[in-house]
N, C-alpha and C. Protein backbone atom coordinates (compact mmCIF):
# COMPACT_ATOMS: atom_id res chain seq x y z
N MET A 1 -28.98 -6.78 8.45
CA MET A 1 -26.91 -7.32 9.18
C MET A 1 -26.95 -8.40 10.46
N LYS A 2 -26.30 -9.18 10.07
CA LYS A 2 -25.40 -9.22 11.13
C LYS A 2 -24.77 -8.17 11.48
N THR A 3 -24.49 -7.73 13.21
CA THR A 3 -23.17 -6.90 13.63
C THR A 3 -22.00 -7.23 13.92
N SER A 4 -21.84 -8.68 14.05
CA SER A 4 -20.28 -8.99 14.30
C SER A 4 -20.01 -9.10 12.74
N ILE A 5 -20.83 -9.17 12.19
CA ILE A 5 -20.23 -9.09 10.57
C ILE A 5 -19.87 -7.76 9.92
N ALA A 6 -20.38 -6.42 9.94
CA ALA A 6 -20.58 -5.07 10.01
C ALA A 6 -19.20 -4.76 10.53
N LEU A 7 -19.22 -4.88 12.36
CA LEU A 7 -18.20 -4.92 12.66
C LEU A 7 -16.66 -5.15 12.48
N LYS A 8 -16.45 -6.26 11.90
CA LYS A 8 -15.42 -6.58 11.48
C LYS A 8 -14.59 -6.40 10.04
N THR A 9 -16.08 -6.40 9.30
CA THR A 9 -15.40 -5.49 7.98
C THR A 9 -15.42 -3.99 8.36
N VAL A 10 -15.69 -3.48 9.32
CA VAL A 10 -15.53 -1.51 9.94
C VAL A 10 -14.09 -1.69 10.53
N LEU A 11 -13.70 -3.00 10.99
CA LEU A 11 -12.56 -2.64 11.43
C LEU A 11 -11.53 -3.04 10.54
N LEU A 12 -11.84 -3.99 10.02
CA LEU A 12 -10.80 -4.51 8.64
C LEU A 12 -10.00 -3.62 7.92
N LEU A 13 -11.62 -2.44 7.51
CA LEU A 13 -11.39 -1.56 6.33
C LEU A 13 -10.35 0.05 7.23
N ILE A 14 -10.44 -0.04 8.74
CA ILE A 14 -10.21 0.98 9.28
C ILE A 14 -8.85 0.60 8.86
N CYS A 15 -8.26 -0.73 9.32
CA CYS A 15 -6.93 -1.29 9.20
C CYS A 15 -6.31 -0.34 7.81
N SER A 16 -6.98 -1.47 6.91
CA SER A 16 -7.01 -1.09 5.58
C SER A 16 -6.71 0.75 4.77
N ASN A 17 -7.50 1.28 5.30
CA ASN A 17 -7.36 2.51 4.67
C ASN A 17 -6.24 3.31 6.12
N THR A 18 -5.97 3.07 6.73
CA THR A 18 -4.33 3.73 7.28
C THR A 18 -3.61 2.68 6.44
N PHE A 19 -3.07 1.58 5.92
CA PHE A 19 -2.03 1.69 5.19
C PHE A 19 -1.78 2.43 3.86
N MET A 20 -3.19 2.21 2.81
CA MET A 20 -3.90 2.71 2.28
C MET A 20 -3.16 4.35 1.67
N THR A 21 -3.45 4.89 3.43
CA THR A 21 -3.17 6.37 3.17
C THR A 21 -1.84 6.87 3.17
N PHE A 22 -1.04 6.33 4.69
CA PHE A 22 0.19 6.39 4.59
C PHE A 22 1.22 5.75 3.12
N ALA A 23 0.40 4.76 2.68
CA ALA A 23 0.65 4.53 0.99
C ALA A 23 0.74 5.61 -0.11
N TRP A 24 -0.38 6.10 0.37
CA TRP A 24 -0.81 6.77 -1.05
C TRP A 24 0.16 8.43 -0.83
N TYR A 25 0.54 8.82 0.58
CA TYR A 25 0.40 10.47 0.87
C TYR A 25 2.22 10.71 1.84
N ALA A 26 1.91 9.25 2.32
CA ALA A 26 3.41 9.45 3.76
C ALA A 26 5.04 10.23 2.86
N HIS A 27 5.37 9.44 1.77
CA HIS A 27 6.43 9.67 0.68
C HIS A 27 6.18 11.51 0.92
N LEU A 28 5.34 12.06 0.30
CA LEU A 28 5.75 13.68 0.31
C LEU A 28 6.26 14.11 1.26
N ARG A 29 5.88 13.72 2.22
CA ARG A 29 6.28 13.88 3.55
C ARG A 29 7.52 13.20 4.13
N ASN A 30 7.63 12.31 4.34
CA ASN A 30 9.45 11.39 4.38
C ASN A 30 10.27 11.01 3.62
N TRP A 31 9.90 10.81 1.98
CA TRP A 31 10.83 10.73 1.23
C TRP A 31 10.64 11.96 0.33
N HIS A 32 10.52 12.91 0.50
CA HIS A 32 10.23 13.96 -0.84
C HIS A 32 11.65 14.22 -1.62
N ASP A 33 13.13 13.51 -0.73
CA ASP A 33 13.92 13.60 -1.34
C ASP A 33 14.58 12.97 -1.89
N LYS A 34 14.05 12.04 -2.61
CA LYS A 34 14.17 10.02 -3.10
C LYS A 34 13.61 10.54 -4.43
N LYS A 35 14.42 9.52 -5.39
CA LYS A 35 13.33 9.80 -6.74
C LYS A 35 12.37 8.73 -6.93
N TRP A 36 11.19 9.28 -7.83
CA TRP A 36 9.77 9.06 -7.46
C TRP A 36 10.02 7.90 -7.54
N TYR A 37 10.97 6.78 -7.89
CA TYR A 37 10.49 5.14 -8.35
C TYR A 37 10.76 5.14 -6.94
N ILE A 38 11.62 5.58 -6.59
CA ILE A 38 12.21 5.16 -4.99
C ILE A 38 10.68 5.25 -4.58
N ALA A 39 10.21 6.20 -4.43
CA ALA A 39 8.93 6.82 -3.18
C ALA A 39 7.66 5.12 -3.74
N ALA A 40 7.59 5.43 -5.02
CA ALA A 40 6.97 4.58 -5.36
C ALA A 40 6.61 3.24 -5.14
N LEU A 41 8.04 2.51 -4.93
CA LEU A 41 8.25 1.65 -4.62
C LEU A 41 8.39 0.96 -3.09
N LEU A 42 8.39 2.14 -1.82
CA LEU A 42 8.35 1.96 -0.89
C LEU A 42 6.79 2.07 -0.77
N SER A 43 6.32 2.88 -1.72
CA SER A 43 4.55 3.25 -1.32
C SER A 43 3.93 1.00 -1.96
N TRP A 44 3.98 1.23 -2.74
CA TRP A 44 3.87 -0.48 -3.06
C TRP A 44 4.13 -1.33 -1.70
N GLY A 45 5.27 -1.32 -1.20
CA GLY A 45 5.35 -2.52 -0.08
C GLY A 45 4.23 -1.86 0.84
N ILE A 46 4.46 -0.79 1.43
CA ILE A 46 3.00 -0.60 2.10
C ILE A 46 2.02 -0.59 1.79
N ALA A 47 1.47 -0.37 0.28
CA ALA A 47 0.07 -1.18 -0.13
C ALA A 47 -0.54 -2.39 0.02
N PHE A 48 0.67 -3.22 0.10
CA PHE A 48 0.18 -4.71 -0.06
C PHE A 48 -0.11 -4.78 1.39
N PHE A 49 -0.14 -4.35 2.81
CA PHE A 49 -0.57 -4.65 3.92
C PHE A 49 -2.23 -4.10 4.03
N GLU A 50 -2.29 -2.48 2.78
CA GLU A 50 -3.41 -2.35 2.78
C GLU A 50 -4.29 -3.31 2.21
N TYR A 51 -3.57 -4.26 1.13
CA TYR A 51 -4.41 -5.15 0.77
C TYR A 51 -4.49 -6.21 1.28
N MET A 52 -3.90 -6.79 2.21
CA MET A 52 -4.01 -7.70 3.36
C MET A 52 -5.33 -7.50 4.00
N PHE A 53 -5.70 -6.59 4.21
CA PHE A 53 -6.80 -5.75 5.07
C PHE A 53 -8.26 -5.72 4.33
N GLN A 54 -7.97 -5.35 3.17
CA GLN A 54 -8.68 -5.26 1.85
C GLN A 54 -9.63 -5.80 1.87
N VAL A 55 -9.12 -6.90 1.49
CA VAL A 55 -10.21 -7.85 0.62
C VAL A 55 -10.50 -9.09 1.48
N PRO A 56 -10.29 -9.31 3.02
CA PRO A 56 -10.90 -9.74 3.55
C PRO A 56 -11.90 -8.81 3.84
N ALA A 57 -11.84 -8.08 4.57
CA ALA A 57 -12.71 -6.40 4.81
C ALA A 57 -13.71 -6.78 3.58
N ASN A 58 -13.85 -6.92 2.41
CA ASN A 58 -15.16 -6.89 1.51
C ASN A 58 -15.14 -8.28 1.43
N ARG A 59 -14.63 -9.17 1.72
CA ARG A 59 -15.54 -10.74 0.98
C ARG A 59 -15.79 -10.45 2.20
N ILE A 60 -15.78 -10.68 3.67
CA ILE A 60 -16.85 -10.63 4.68
C ILE A 60 -18.06 -9.53 4.48
N GLY A 61 -17.65 -8.83 4.32
CA GLY A 61 -19.13 -7.58 4.58
C GLY A 61 -19.87 -7.83 3.26
N TYR A 62 -19.51 -8.67 2.07
CA TYR A 62 -20.16 -8.68 0.99
C TYR A 62 -21.09 -9.67 1.76
N THR A 63 -20.59 -10.56 2.14
CA THR A 63 -21.75 -11.18 2.69
C THR A 63 -23.23 -10.69 3.05
N ALA A 64 -22.97 -9.37 4.07
CA ALA A 64 -24.51 -9.03 4.33
C ALA A 64 -24.59 -7.74 4.16
N LEU A 65 -23.94 -7.41 3.33
CA LEU A 65 -23.90 -5.88 3.00
C LEU A 65 -23.82 -5.34 1.29
N SER A 66 -24.47 -4.67 0.60
CA SER A 66 -24.59 -5.03 -0.89
C SER A 66 -23.52 -4.18 -0.94
N LEU A 67 -22.84 -4.32 -2.35
CA LEU A 67 -21.91 -3.34 -3.36
C LEU A 67 -21.79 -2.43 -2.49
N PRO A 68 -23.22 -1.22 -3.36
CA PRO A 68 -22.25 0.50 -2.71
C PRO A 68 -22.79 0.41 -1.77
N GLN A 69 -23.29 -0.10 -0.28
CA GLN A 69 -23.33 -0.06 0.60
C GLN A 69 -21.70 -0.19 1.44
N LEU A 70 -20.58 -1.26 0.90
CA LEU A 70 -19.35 -1.50 1.28
C LEU A 70 -18.51 -0.38 0.66
N LYS A 71 -19.15 0.11 -0.61
CA LYS A 71 -17.98 1.07 -0.97
C LYS A 71 -18.63 2.59 -0.32
N ILE A 72 -19.95 2.90 0.29
CA ILE A 72 -19.83 4.11 1.10
C ILE A 72 -18.99 4.76 2.31
N ILE A 73 -19.20 2.61 2.94
CA ILE A 73 -18.57 2.27 4.10
C ILE A 73 -17.05 2.66 3.80
N GLN A 74 -16.40 2.57 3.04
CA GLN A 74 -14.72 2.48 2.63
C GLN A 74 -14.66 3.87 2.63
N GLU A 75 -16.09 4.44 1.87
CA GLU A 75 -15.18 6.33 1.56
C GLU A 75 -15.32 7.22 2.85
N VAL A 76 -16.51 6.70 3.74
CA VAL A 76 -16.69 7.15 4.78
C VAL A 76 -15.44 6.63 6.24
N ILE A 77 -15.07 5.84 6.05
CA ILE A 77 -13.86 5.18 6.53
C ILE A 77 -12.44 6.29 6.02
N THR A 78 -12.67 6.54 4.53
CA THR A 78 -11.23 6.75 4.15
C THR A 78 -11.52 8.38 4.80
N LEU A 79 -12.06 9.11 4.71
CA LEU A 79 -12.40 10.43 5.29
C LEU A 79 -12.05 10.53 6.30
N ALA A 80 -12.69 9.47 7.58
CA ALA A 80 -11.54 9.42 8.41
C ALA A 80 -10.77 8.88 9.15
N VAL A 81 -10.29 8.92 8.65
CA VAL A 81 -8.67 8.13 8.37
C VAL A 81 -7.54 9.30 7.75
N PHE A 82 -8.47 9.90 7.16
CA PHE A 82 -7.69 11.16 6.22
C PHE A 82 -7.37 12.17 6.98
N ALA A 83 -8.78 12.35 7.41
CA ALA A 83 -8.58 13.97 8.50
C ALA A 83 -7.40 13.62 9.40
N PRO A 84 -7.94 12.77 10.40
CA PRO A 84 -6.74 13.42 11.38
C PRO A 84 -5.14 13.47 10.52
N PHE A 85 -4.63 11.90 10.03
CA PHE A 85 -3.92 12.09 8.81
C PHE A 85 -3.34 13.08 8.21
N ALA A 86 -4.49 13.87 7.81
CA ALA A 86 -3.42 15.13 7.06
C ALA A 86 -3.36 16.35 8.42
N VAL A 87 -4.16 16.35 9.48
CA VAL A 87 -4.58 17.52 10.29
C VAL A 87 -3.28 17.24 11.32
N PHE A 88 -2.28 15.96 11.79
CA PHE A 88 -1.30 15.55 12.67
C PHE A 88 -0.15 15.26 12.23
N TYR A 89 -0.18 14.53 11.16
CA TYR A 89 1.26 14.25 10.31
C TYR A 89 1.44 14.87 9.62
N MET A 90 0.43 15.21 8.64
CA MET A 90 0.98 16.18 7.36
C MET A 90 1.29 17.53 7.70
N ARG A 91 0.26 17.73 8.71
CA ARG A 91 0.36 19.74 9.74
C ARG A 91 -0.27 19.62 8.34
N GLN A 92 -1.63 19.87 7.99
CA GLN A 92 -2.34 20.72 7.23
C GLN A 92 -3.37 21.43 8.01
N PRO A 93 -3.37 22.19 7.78
CA PRO A 93 -4.37 23.19 8.79
C PRO A 93 -6.00 22.97 8.83
N ILE A 94 -7.25 22.55 10.04
CA ILE A 94 -7.63 22.62 9.65
C ILE A 94 -9.46 23.62 8.93
N LYS A 95 -9.80 23.02 7.57
CA LYS A 95 -11.01 24.00 7.07
C LYS A 95 -12.30 23.20 7.26
N LEU A 96 -13.26 24.00 7.74
CA LEU A 96 -14.55 24.14 7.93
C LEU A 96 -15.01 23.56 6.22
N ASP A 97 -14.38 23.41 5.00
CA ASP A 97 -14.93 22.67 4.17
C ASP A 97 -14.93 21.22 4.55
N PHE A 98 -13.90 21.04 5.19
CA PHE A 98 -14.05 19.74 5.70
C PHE A 98 -14.99 18.91 6.96
N VAL A 99 -15.58 19.81 7.18
CA VAL A 99 -16.68 19.67 7.48
C VAL A 99 -18.48 18.99 6.37
N TRP A 100 -18.55 20.45 6.25
CA TRP A 100 -18.87 19.86 4.34
C TRP A 100 -19.05 19.31 4.08
N ALA A 101 -17.51 18.49 3.98
CA ALA A 101 -17.64 17.17 3.28
C ALA A 101 -17.52 15.68 3.93
N GLY A 102 -17.89 15.75 4.96
CA GLY A 102 -18.13 14.82 6.11
C GLY A 102 -20.04 14.53 6.18
N LEU A 103 -20.15 15.85 6.12
CA LEU A 103 -21.91 16.33 5.85
C LEU A 103 -22.16 15.91 4.70
N CYS A 104 -21.33 15.25 3.59
CA CYS A 104 -22.47 15.42 1.91
C CYS A 104 -21.73 13.44 2.64
N MET A 105 -20.78 12.99 3.06
CA MET A 105 -20.52 12.05 2.97
C MET A 105 -21.95 10.83 4.05
N VAL A 106 -22.46 11.90 5.10
CA VAL A 106 -23.34 11.46 6.49
C VAL A 106 -24.78 11.40 5.38
N GLY A 107 -25.22 11.90 3.85
CA GLY A 107 -26.15 11.63 3.47
C GLY A 107 -26.07 11.10 2.61
N ALA A 108 -24.64 10.64 2.33
CA ALA A 108 -24.48 9.76 0.77
C ALA A 108 -24.58 7.97 1.98
N VAL A 109 -24.36 8.31 3.28
CA VAL A 109 -24.59 7.17 3.93
C VAL A 109 -25.74 6.80 4.35
N TYR A 110 -26.91 8.03 4.38
CA TYR A 110 -28.65 7.60 4.56
C TYR A 110 -28.68 7.09 3.51
N PHE A 111 -28.65 7.81 2.44
CA PHE A 111 -29.55 7.10 0.99
C PHE A 111 -28.69 5.94 0.65
N VAL A 112 -28.00 5.37 1.03
CA VAL A 112 -27.57 3.74 0.79
C VAL A 112 -27.82 3.18 1.07
N PHE A 113 -28.26 3.25 2.84
CA PHE A 113 -28.45 2.95 3.83
C PHE A 113 -30.18 2.40 3.93
N ARG A 114 -30.85 3.82 3.43
CA ARG A 114 -32.03 3.37 3.49
C ARG A 114 -33.10 1.79 3.21
N ALA A 115 -33.68 1.92 3.33
CA ALA A 115 -34.32 0.58 2.64
C ALA A 115 -35.74 1.32 2.49
């Protein structure tokens, strides 16, 4: 696998997942007083930028990675982006279960990438 392809894919997926996380969850903090359809439209606007990073990431990544490898990378990045978002932005307490979930993801990476 070419390192530059993997690096581009990961960086684009980090950007994508950052927008995704805000689109999916930020309305719970920022727009809780708005009607649900207003929050949905605002979230949809944020999600547009998610797709502007996600589609090129997957197209680039698929030239060197299998579909299951792309999916596991995306899931690991999702967890890596979501954890700090939950703790620092949404002010959720850190729980040991997050560590166990992360370790399960490490196992998933191992099994998908082993030759």
